[in-house]
Amino acid sequence: MFRRSLHIFIIGGLMVACSKQPRQSDSLTAARSLEQAEAALANDSIRQGETLLRWAIQQSEASEDWHTNYIAHQRLAEALSQSNAEEALRLMKKALTIYEQHPDDERNYIMLLDYAGTYAAQVAYTTEGSYDEALSFIHRAYDIAKKKQMTDLMCQTLTSLANIAWAKEDYRQALDYARQAESVATTDLKPGALQVLARSFLSLNMLDSAETIYRQMNTGNDVHLAYIVQSSLAKIALRRTGATQVEDSVEQAFDQIEDFYYKALEQKDQYYQESLRQEMENQQLEYRSQLYGRTLLVVVIATVIILLAVVLALRYRIRMQEQEKRRLHQEAEHQKTLLHQANEVVTFLQGFILERSEVLQKLNQSGDSLIYLSPHEWSEIERTLNAIDGNRFAKLREQYPNMQEDDIHLCILTRLGLSNRTIGNIYCITVSAVQHRKLKLKKDVFGESNPDITLEQILNSR
């Protein structure tokens, strides 16, 4: 009987504590909610950012803070653009309506129009509908930017127009807009303008122009942009060899890598969500402890029991956290395995590209006969290796400008894994003479005198 009464007392105390939890969100201003939402989105905590943005919209409407209101609509549309383009478009139209009723900064108006056009284009692309609404928004944005001579926004709107033209498969129009965008691009907008310019060249099968633009692009620490550049260069190399089926395989391989990338972002989002949830729960537990101290101070036995319950809850929470950490670690290891498998696919495709090269087939089929490679054939095999090997020989030429062409050719043949006998047939020298030339190149150019380190190892480390 005493135990049953004790249980009822504990449950009643917990219900009282839970019913008086602080409404901490009520004390946040709309601007503060917007700031916290942007911080969450910057950390890839998408769902938490969406929740805070919706709260910022409600608060700003209640307080008639219209600037924060349309900015929050814009940010929420950006967060939803990948998963729900139609909802993103609706939110951007709402943001435009609010701005037009309460205008403040014309730059923001141009950006709102540009975003609305972009999301309208996404909807048109997925539903195979008309692009008229998207073009209307962005042309209005461009006209204002041009009138006010806002160069960066002119570049941004021209890039959007180029993307829409490309989506409509009007590649000539896309190329024209992209060239205009590139001509007025600022430093931070340059990569986006160059990307759509190169893509337009590639769609028009102007491979040399596309390759030139992709090689101009400085990816820096942008992993996703580096992926786009490298995958596009690989496609260009495949088109030059006429391997259309392999190009489809490369596309699938890089799509798989991109899926891994977004899955990693989702896991990161889950991690931040879990951390934030745990922090909020810890704050709630702390408040409950304070509430128990105030309300049950006179009942010593009940206070001890409640504290014991809190301790048990905390221990349980710690165990759950440890289990969650182990689960996240296992998922991360699984993703690493998948990425390794994807890298093996890319390595296989690189080898397949080399095997399709006419120059390499010529080298492999010559046997012991003398082999002659024309300057054009040397240039072709070096360009192919650069396309699939991260510009290795372009960097080698830049790092060692005094290297002779024969030394560069010897490095290329070594990278291709040709035997010393085949290399000797090219240079019309003996196998021992080839070995001597490799040792001399290794010592004189790369400064490596260790006999256990081969020229192949040196080239792989560059």
Protein backbone atom coordinates (compact mmCIF):
# COMPACT_ATOMS: atom_id res chain seq x y z
CA MET A 1 0.00 0.00 0.00
CA PHE A 2 2.82 2.38 0.89
CA ARG A 3 4.65 1.57 -2.36
CA ARG A 4 1.51 2.29 -4.45
CA SER A 5 0.99 5.61 -2.67
CA LEU A 6 4.65 6.46 -3.21
CA HIS A 7 4.37 5.79 -6.94
CA ILE A 8 1.24 7.95 -7.20
CA PHE A 9 3.03 10.76 -5.36
CA ILE A 10 6.05 10.61 -7.70
CA ILE A 11 3.86 10.62 -10.81
CA GLY A 12 1.82 13.53 -9.46
CA GLY A 13 4.97 15.52 -8.72
CA LEU A 14 6.37 14.89 -12.21
CA MET A 15 3.04 15.95 -13.79
CA VAL A 16 3.11 19.20 -11.80
CA ALA A 17 6.70 19.84 -12.91
CA CYS A 18 5.95 19.09 -16.55
CA SER A 19 2.85 21.28 -16.54
CA LYS A 20 4.95 24.29 -15.43
CA GLN A 21 7.79 24.04 -17.95
CA PRO A 22 9.07 27.46 -19.05
CA ARG A 23 7.93 28.70 -22.39
CA GLN A 24 11.40 29.82 -23.33
CA SER A 25 10.47 30.39 -26.98
CA ASP A 26 7.97 33.09 -25.93
CA SER A 27 10.83 35.30 -24.75
CA LEU A 28 12.63 35.22 -28.12
CA THR A 29 12.17 38.15 -30.47
CA ALA A 30 11.55 37.63 -34.18
CA ALA A 31 15.02 38.92 -35.06
CA ARG A 32 16.64 36.62 -32.50
CA SER A 33 14.72 33.62 -33.87
CA LEU A 34 15.87 34.52 -37.39
CA GLU A 35 19.48 34.78 -36.19
CA GLN A 36 19.30 31.37 -34.48
CA ALA A 37 17.69 29.85 -37.59
CA GLU A 38 20.49 31.11 -39.83
CA ALA A 39 23.07 29.70 -37.40
CA ALA A 40 21.31 26.30 -37.48
CA LEU A 41 21.18 26.31 -41.29
CA ALA A 42 24.86 27.27 -41.46
CA ASN A 43 25.58 24.12 -39.44
CA ASP A 44 23.43 22.04 -41.85
CA SER A 45 20.75 21.57 -39.17
CA ILE A 46 17.98 21.95 -41.73
CA ARG A 47 14.94 20.83 -39.75
CA GLN A 48 15.83 22.90 -36.70
CA GLY A 49 16.40 25.90 -38.97
CA GLU A 50 12.97 25.42 -40.57
CA THR A 51 11.30 25.26 -37.15
CA LEU A 52 12.98 28.49 -36.00
CA LEU A 53 12.13 30.25 -39.27
CA ARG A 54 8.43 29.39 -38.95
CA TRP A 55 8.54 30.70 -35.39
CA ALA A 56 10.25 33.91 -36.62
CA ILE A 57 7.48 34.38 -39.20
CA GLN A 58 4.78 34.07 -36.53
CA GLN A 59 6.56 36.47 -34.17
CA SER A 60 7.33 39.06 -36.86
CA GLU A 61 3.69 39.05 -38.03
CA ALA A 62 2.50 39.54 -34.45
CA SER A 63 4.97 42.42 -33.88
CA GLU A 64 4.57 43.84 -37.42
CA ASP A 65 8.30 43.54 -38.02
CA TRP A 66 7.87 43.33 -41.80
CA HIS A 67 11.58 43.37 -42.67
CA THR A 68 12.22 40.29 -40.54
CA ASN A 69 8.99 38.78 -41.86
CA TYR A 70 9.89 38.81 -45.55
CA ILE A 71 13.53 37.85 -44.82
CA ALA A 72 12.28 34.85 -42.80
CA HIS A 73 9.99 33.85 -45.69
CA GLN A 74 12.94 34.09 -48.07
CA ARG A 75 15.23 31.98 -45.84
CA LEU A 76 12.53 29.34 -45.33
CA ALA A 77 12.02 29.16 -49.10
CA GLU A 78 15.77 28.61 -49.56
CA ALA A 79 15.74 25.82 -46.96
CA LEU A 80 12.82 24.06 -48.70
CA SER A 81 13.96 24.65 -52.29
CA GLN A 82 15.64 21.26 -52.70
CA SER A 83 12.87 19.18 -51.15
CA ASN A 84 9.72 21.13 -52.13
CA ALA A 85 10.15 23.65 -54.96
CA GLU A 86 6.41 24.45 -55.11
CA GLU A 87 6.31 25.38 -51.42
CA ALA A 88 9.50 27.43 -51.87
CA LEU A 89 7.86 29.35 -54.73
CA ARG A 90 4.76 30.02 -52.65
CA LEU A 91 6.87 31.38 -49.78
CA MET A 92 8.88 33.61 -52.14
CA LYS A 93 5.67 35.06 -53.62
CA LYS A 94 4.50 35.76 -50.09
CA ALA A 95 7.85 37.47 -49.34
CA LEU A 96 7.46 39.61 -52.49
CA THR A 97 3.93 40.63 -51.48
CA ILE A 98 5.12 41.66 -48.01
CA TYR A 99 8.05 43.62 -49.44
CA GLU A 100 5.91 45.43 -52.01
CA GLN A 101 3.52 46.46 -49.20
CA HIS A 102 6.42 47.52 -46.93
CA PRO A 103 9.48 48.30 -49.14
CA ASP A 104 12.81 49.11 -47.51
CA ASP A 105 15.94 48.11 -49.53
CA GLU A 106 15.82 47.79 -53.34
CA ARG A 107 18.72 45.28 -53.33
CA ASN A 108 16.54 42.94 -51.30
CA TYR A 109 13.72 43.39 -53.82
CA ILE A 110 16.01 42.34 -56.69
CA MET A 111 17.15 39.27 -54.75
CA LEU A 112 13.56 38.32 -53.90
CA LEU A 113 12.60 38.53 -57.59
CA ASP A 114 15.65 36.47 -58.59
CA TYR A 115 14.91 33.76 -56.01
CA ALA A 116 11.24 33.68 -57.04
CA GLY A 117 12.28 33.22 -60.68
CA THR A 118 14.71 30.45 -59.74
CA TYR A 119 12.06 28.49 -57.80
CA ALA A 120 9.48 29.04 -60.53
CA ALA A 121 12.01 27.57 -62.99
CA GLN A 122 12.51 24.56 -60.70
CA VAL A 123 8.76 23.96 -60.62
CA ALA A 124 8.54 24.31 -64.41
CA TYR A 125 11.45 21.90 -64.87
CA THR A 126 10.00 19.18 -62.61
CA THR A 127 6.44 19.53 -63.93
CA GLU A 128 7.51 20.14 -67.57
CA GLY A 129 5.50 23.35 -67.50
CA SER A 130 6.05 26.86 -68.86
CA TYR A 131 9.02 29.02 -67.87
CA ASP A 132 7.17 32.29 -68.57
CA GLU A 133 6.59 33.13 -64.90
CA ALA A 134 10.23 32.42 -64.02
CA LEU A 135 11.49 34.60 -66.87
CA SER A 136 9.09 37.40 -65.89
CA PHE A 137 10.46 37.52 -62.32
CA ILE A 138 14.12 37.46 -63.34
CA HIS A 139 13.76 39.97 -66.20
CA ARG A 140 12.18 42.39 -63.72
CA ALA A 141 15.09 41.81 -61.35
CA TYR A 142 17.66 42.32 -64.11
CA ASP A 143 16.03 45.53 -65.35
CA ILE A 144 16.15 47.07 -61.86
CA ALA A 145 19.75 45.92 -61.28
CA LYS A 146 20.85 47.31 -64.66
CA LYS A 147 19.06 50.61 -64.04
CA LYS A 148 20.74 51.00 -60.63
CA GLN A 149 24.10 49.72 -62.00
CA MET A 150 24.31 46.99 -59.33
CA THR A 151 26.97 44.90 -61.06
CA ASP A 152 26.86 41.91 -58.69
CA LEU A 153 23.08 41.58 -58.99
CA MET A 154 23.30 41.98 -62.78
CA CYS A 155 25.69 39.01 -62.79
CA GLN A 156 23.40 37.00 -60.49
CA THR A 157 20.27 37.60 -62.59
CA LEU A 158 22.09 36.96 -65.88
CA THR A 159 23.35 33.67 -64.44
CA SER A 160 19.77 32.76 -63.48
CA LEU A 161 18.59 33.58 -67.02
CA ALA A 162 21.38 31.40 -68.42
CA ASN A 163 20.33 28.49 -66.20
CA ILE A 164 16.71 28.81 -67.33
CA ALA A 165 17.74 28.92 -71.00
CA TRP A 166 19.87 25.83 -70.42
CA ALA A 167 16.93 24.05 -68.76
CA LYS A 168 14.82 24.92 -71.83
CA GLU A 169 17.59 23.35 -73.95
CA ASP A 170 18.17 26.70 -75.68
CA TYR A 171 21.92 26.31 -75.32
CA ARG A 172 22.85 29.20 -77.62
CA GLN A 173 20.74 31.60 -75.55
CA ALA A 174 22.22 30.13 -72.37
CA LEU A 175 25.73 30.72 -73.76
CA ASP A 176 24.90 34.35 -74.56
CA TYR A 177 23.55 35.06 -71.06
CA ALA A 178 26.48 33.22 -69.46
CA ARG A 179 29.00 35.30 -71.40
CA GLN A 180 27.26 38.50 -70.27
CA ALA A 181 27.27 37.26 -66.66
CA GLU A 182 30.96 36.36 -66.84
CA SER A 183 31.82 39.81 -68.22
CA VAL A 184 30.37 41.59 -65.14
CA ALA A 185 31.04 38.89 -62.53
CA THR A 186 32.58 39.87 -59.21
CA THR A 187 35.14 37.61 -57.56
CA ASP A 188 32.63 35.71 -55.39
CA LEU A 189 30.16 35.26 -58.29
CA LYS A 190 32.79 34.24 -60.85
CA PRO A 191 32.59 30.46 -60.16
CA GLY A 192 28.82 30.38 -60.74
CA ALA A 193 29.08 32.33 -64.00
CA LEU A 194 31.94 30.17 -65.25
CA GLN A 195 30.08 26.99 -64.31
CA VAL A 196 27.00 27.79 -66.42
CA LEU A 197 29.28 29.06 -69.23
CA ALA A 198 31.24 25.80 -69.31
CA ARG A 199 28.05 23.76 -69.09
CA SER A 200 26.63 25.62 -72.10
CA PHE A 201 29.80 24.94 -74.10
CA LEU A 202 29.60 21.27 -73.11
CA SER A 203 25.94 21.02 -74.14
CA LEU A 204 26.87 22.51 -77.52
CA ASN A 205 29.66 19.89 -77.77
CA MET A 206 32.31 22.67 -77.86
CA LEU A 207 34.68 20.49 -75.86
CA ASP A 208 37.85 22.60 -76.09
CA SER A 209 36.05 25.75 -74.90
CA ALA A 210 34.32 23.84 -72.08
CA GLU A 211 37.61 22.29 -70.96
CA THR A 212 39.33 25.70 -70.97
CA ILE A 213 36.62 27.21 -68.73
CA TYR A 214 36.61 24.26 -66.30
CA ARG A 215 40.38 24.51 -65.91
CA GLN A 216 40.07 28.23 -65.15
CA MET A 217 37.75 27.55 -62.22
CA ASN A 218 39.40 27.76 -58.80
CA THR A 219 37.43 25.38 -56.57
CA GLY A 220 39.30 26.26 -53.38
CA ASN A 221 37.71 24.39 -50.44
CA ASP A 222 34.37 23.91 -52.25
CA VAL A 223 34.15 20.11 -52.43
CA HIS A 224 30.92 20.11 -54.43
CA LEU A 225 32.33 22.51 -57.06
CA ALA A 226 35.49 20.38 -57.32
CA TYR A 227 33.27 17.35 -57.93
CA ILE A 228 31.43 19.18 -60.75
CA VAL A 229 34.70 20.26 -62.40
CA GLN A 230 36.36 16.83 -62.22
CA SER A 231 33.25 14.94 -63.40
CA SER A 232 32.81 17.34 -66.33
CA LEU A 233 36.48 16.99 -67.35
CA ALA A 234 36.07 13.22 -67.26
CA LYS A 235 32.99 13.48 -69.52
CA ILE A 236 34.95 15.66 -71.96
CA ALA A 237 37.76 13.07 -72.10
CA LEU A 238 35.21 10.30 -72.72
CA ARG A 239 33.47 12.22 -75.50
CA ARG A 240 36.79 12.73 -77.25
CA THR A 241 37.32 8.97 -77.30
CA GLY A 242 33.73 8.33 -78.40
CA ALA A 243 32.94 6.21 -75.33
CA THR A 244 29.30 7.26 -74.90
CA GLN A 245 28.34 4.18 -72.86
CA VAL A 246 31.21 4.78 -70.46
CA GLU A 247 30.11 8.43 -70.14
CA ASP A 248 26.75 7.18 -68.85
CA SER A 249 28.58 4.93 -66.37
CA VAL A 250 30.69 7.87 -65.16
CA GLU A 251 27.51 9.93 -64.75
CA GLN A 252 26.00 7.18 -62.61
CA ALA A 253 29.18 6.86 -60.54
CA PHE A 254 29.36 10.59 -59.81
CA ASP A 255 25.61 10.67 -59.08
CA GLN A 256 26.24 7.94 -56.51
CA ILE A 257 29.03 9.98 -54.96
CA GLU A 258 26.74 13.00 -54.81
CA ASP A 259 24.11 10.86 -53.05
CA PHE A 260 26.74 9.90 -50.49
CA TYR A 261 27.54 13.59 -50.02
CA TYR A 262 23.92 14.49 -49.30
CA LYS A 263 23.50 11.48 -47.01
CA ALA A 264 26.48 12.72 -45.04
CA LEU A 265 24.77 16.12 -44.75
CA GLU A 266 21.61 14.40 -43.51
CA GLN A 267 23.59 12.54 -40.87
CA LYS A 268 25.23 15.80 -39.82
CA ASP A 269 21.76 17.33 -39.56
CA GLN A 270 20.60 14.42 -37.39
CA TYR A 271 23.64 14.88 -35.15
CA TYR A 272 22.89 18.58 -34.60
CA GLN A 273 19.21 17.80 -34.07
CA GLU A 274 20.07 15.23 -31.44
CA SER A 275 22.55 17.56 -29.71
CA LEU A 276 20.01 20.39 -29.62
CA ARG A 277 17.28 18.09 -28.35
CA GLN A 278 19.53 16.77 -25.62
CA GLU A 279 20.48 20.32 -24.61
CA MET A 280 16.81 21.33 -24.36
CA GLU A 281 15.98 18.21 -22.37
CA ASN A 282 18.88 18.89 -20.00
CA GLN A 283 17.58 22.44 -19.48
CA GLN A 284 14.13 21.07 -18.77
CA LEU A 285 15.55 18.58 -16.26
CA GLU A 286 17.44 21.41 -14.54
CA TYR A 287 14.26 23.48 -14.27
CA ARG A 288 12.36 20.51 -12.87
CA SER A 289 14.99 20.04 -10.18
CA GLN A 290 14.60 23.69 -9.16
CA LEU A 291 10.82 23.33 -9.14
CA TYR A 292 11.04 20.26 -6.91
CA GLY A 293 13.26 22.20 -4.50
CA ARG A 294 10.72 25.04 -4.20
CA THR A 295 7.46 23.06 -4.06
CA LEU A 296 8.48 19.98 -2.08
CA LEU A 297 10.94 21.49 0.38
CA VAL A 298 8.84 20.55 3.45
CA VAL A 299 8.40 16.99 2.35
CA VAL A 300 11.92 15.60 2.85
CA ILE A 301 11.20 12.05 1.90
CA ALA A 302 9.40 13.07 -1.28
CA THR A 303 12.26 15.39 -2.25
CA VAL A 304 14.80 12.58 -1.89
CA ILE A 305 12.65 10.25 -4.00
CA ILE A 306 12.24 12.88 -6.75
CA LEU A 307 15.99 13.60 -6.82
CA LEU A 308 16.61 9.88 -7.11
CA ALA A 309 14.19 9.72 -10.04
CA VAL A 310 16.02 12.61 -11.73
CA VAL A 311 19.37 10.87 -11.26
CA LEU A 312 18.00 7.66 -12.75
CA ALA A 313 16.57 9.64 -15.66
CA LEU A 314 19.92 11.32 -16.25
CA ARG A 315 21.75 7.99 -16.15
CA TYR A 316 19.26 6.58 -18.63
CA ARG A 317 19.75 9.63 -20.83
CA ILE A 318 23.52 9.18 -20.72
CA ARG A 319 23.19 5.55 -21.75
CA MET A 320 20.91 6.55 -24.62
CA GLN A 321 23.41 9.20 -25.70
CA GLU A 322 26.21 6.65 -25.69
CA GLN A 323 24.13 4.27 -27.79
CA GLU A 324 23.32 7.07 -30.22
CA LYS A 325 27.01 7.97 -30.53
CA ARG A 326 27.86 4.34 -31.28
CA ARG A 327 25.11 4.21 -33.90
CA LEU A 328 26.33 7.40 -35.57
CA HIS A 329 29.89 6.06 -35.54
CA GLN A 330 28.77 2.81 -37.21
CA GLU A 331 26.87 4.77 -39.86
CA ALA A 332 29.94 6.94 -40.50
CA GLU A 333 32.08 3.82 -40.98
CA HIS A 334 29.47 2.45 -43.38
CA GLN A 335 29.58 5.67 -45.40
CA LYS A 336 33.38 5.49 -45.52
CA THR A 337 33.08 1.98 -46.95
CA LEU A 338 30.62 3.16 -49.59
CA LEU A 339 32.90 6.06 -50.52
CA HIS A 340 35.82 3.65 -50.84
CA GLN A 341 33.75 1.49 -53.19
CA ALA A 342 32.86 4.58 -55.23
CA ASN A 343 36.55 5.48 -55.47
CA GLU A 344 37.26 1.99 -56.78
CA VAL A 345 34.59 2.52 -59.45
CA VAL A 346 36.21 5.82 -60.49
CA THR A 347 39.67 4.16 -60.59
CA PHE A 348 38.28 1.39 -62.80
CA LEU A 349 36.73 3.95 -65.13
CA GLN A 350 40.03 5.85 -65.34
CA GLY A 351 41.79 2.64 -66.37
CA PHE A 352 39.06 1.95 -68.90
CA ILE A 353 39.52 5.41 -70.44
CA LEU A 354 43.25 4.77 -70.85
CA GLU A 355 42.61 1.37 -72.41
CA ARG A 356 40.32 3.01 -75.00
CA SER A 357 43.06 5.47 -75.97
CA GLU A 358 44.38 4.74 -79.46
CA VAL A 359 47.91 5.75 -78.42
CA LEU A 360 47.98 3.29 -75.53
CA GLN A 361 46.62 0.54 -77.78
CA LYS A 362 49.43 1.30 -80.20
CA LEU A 363 52.01 1.01 -77.41
CA ASN A 364 50.58 -2.26 -76.07
CA GLN A 365 50.33 -3.96 -79.48
CA SER A 366 53.81 -3.15 -80.80
CA GLY A 367 55.67 -6.09 -79.22
CA ASP A 368 59.43 -5.78 -79.71
CA SER A 369 59.24 -3.56 -82.80
CA LEU A 370 60.32 0.05 -82.76
CA ILE A 371 57.60 2.51 -81.79
CA TYR A 372 57.20 6.06 -83.05
CA LEU A 373 54.86 8.56 -81.41
CA SER A 374 54.10 11.82 -83.19
CA PRO A 375 53.94 15.13 -81.23
CA HIS A 376 50.16 15.02 -81.61
CA GLU A 377 50.02 11.53 -80.05
CA TRP A 378 52.23 12.65 -77.14
CA SER A 379 49.91 15.64 -76.63
CA GLU A 380 46.80 13.43 -76.77
CA ILE A 381 47.99 10.93 -74.15
CA GLU A 382 49.21 13.74 -71.84
CA ARG A 383 45.88 15.55 -72.13
CA THR A 384 43.96 12.35 -71.38
CA LEU A 385 46.11 11.67 -68.30
CA ASN A 386 45.60 15.24 -67.08
CA ALA A 387 41.82 14.90 -67.46
CA ILE A 388 41.56 11.71 -65.40
CA ASP A 389 44.55 12.19 -63.10
CA GLY A 390 43.95 15.61 -61.54
CA ASN A 391 46.19 17.62 -63.92
CA ARG A 392 49.23 15.70 -62.67
CA PHE A 393 51.50 16.48 -65.60
CA ALA A 394 50.33 20.09 -65.87
CA LYS A 395 51.38 20.52 -62.23
CA LEU A 396 54.63 18.65 -62.91
CA ARG A 397 55.49 21.07 -65.71
CA GLU A 398 54.68 24.00 -63.44
CA GLN A 399 56.71 22.63 -60.52
CA TYR A 400 59.74 21.66 -62.67
CA PRO A 401 59.82 24.20 -65.54
CA ASN A 402 63.35 23.13 -66.57
CA MET A 403 62.35 19.55 -67.36
CA GLN A 404 63.07 18.47 -70.93
CA GLU A 405 60.27 17.09 -73.12
CA ASP A 406 62.03 13.70 -73.20
CA ASP A 407 61.93 13.66 -69.38
CA ILE A 408 58.21 14.51 -69.43
CA HIS A 409 57.65 11.72 -71.98
CA LEU A 410 59.58 9.25 -69.81
CA CYS A 411 57.37 10.21 -66.82
CA ILE A 412 54.22 9.71 -68.95
CA LEU A 413 55.36 6.25 -70.10
CA THR A 414 56.21 5.33 -66.50
CA ARG A 415 52.77 6.50 -65.30
CA LEU A 416 51.17 4.29 -67.99
CA GLY A 417 52.96 1.30 -66.45
CA LEU A 418 54.83 0.33 -69.62
CA SER A 419 57.72 -2.09 -69.34
CA ASN A 420 61.31 -0.95 -69.73
CA ARG A 421 61.51 -3.01 -72.94
CA THR A 422 58.56 -1.12 -74.49
CA ILE A 423 60.06 2.20 -73.38
CA GLY A 424 63.37 1.12 -74.93
CA ASN A 425 61.59 0.44 -78.23
CA ILE A 426 60.28 4.01 -78.19
CA TYR A 427 63.68 5.57 -77.49
CA CYS A 428 65.63 2.95 -79.54
CA ILE A 429 67.79 2.06 -76.52
CA THR A 430 68.41 -1.02 -74.38
CA VAL A 431 66.57 -1.96 -71.22
CA SER A 432 69.62 -1.09 -69.10
CA ALA A 433 69.82 2.30 -70.78
CA VAL A 434 66.17 2.91 -69.84
CA GLN A 435 66.94 2.00 -66.23
CA HIS A 436 69.90 4.37 -66.28
CA ARG A 437 67.74 7.21 -67.64
CA LYS A 438 65.15 6.66 -64.90
CA LEU A 439 67.85 6.73 -62.20
CA LYS A 440 69.33 9.90 -63.69
CA LEU A 441 65.88 11.58 -63.89
CA LYS A 442 65.07 10.54 -60.35
CA LYS A 443 68.34 11.99 -59.02
CA ASP A 444 68.87 15.09 -61.18
CA VAL A 445 65.30 16.39 -61.37
CA PHE A 446 63.53 15.09 -58.28
CA GLY A 447 66.60 15.00 -56.01
CA GLU A 448 65.96 11.43 -54.85
CA SER A 449 69.06 9.25 -54.34
CA ASN A 450 67.46 6.41 -52.36
CA PRO A 451 67.71 3.31 -54.61
CA ASP A 452 64.69 1.69 -52.89
CA ILE A 453 62.36 4.46 -54.09
CA THR A 454 61.26 4.02 -57.70
CA LEU A 455 60.32 6.67 -60.23
CA GLU A 456 56.75 5.34 -60.13
CA GLN A 457 56.54 6.03 -56.39
CA ILE A 458 57.91 9.56 -56.88
CA LEU A 459 55.33 10.35 -59.58
CA ASN A 460 52.45 8.97 -57.47
CA SER A 461 53.48 11.25 -54.59
CA ARG A 462 53.40 14.38 -56.77
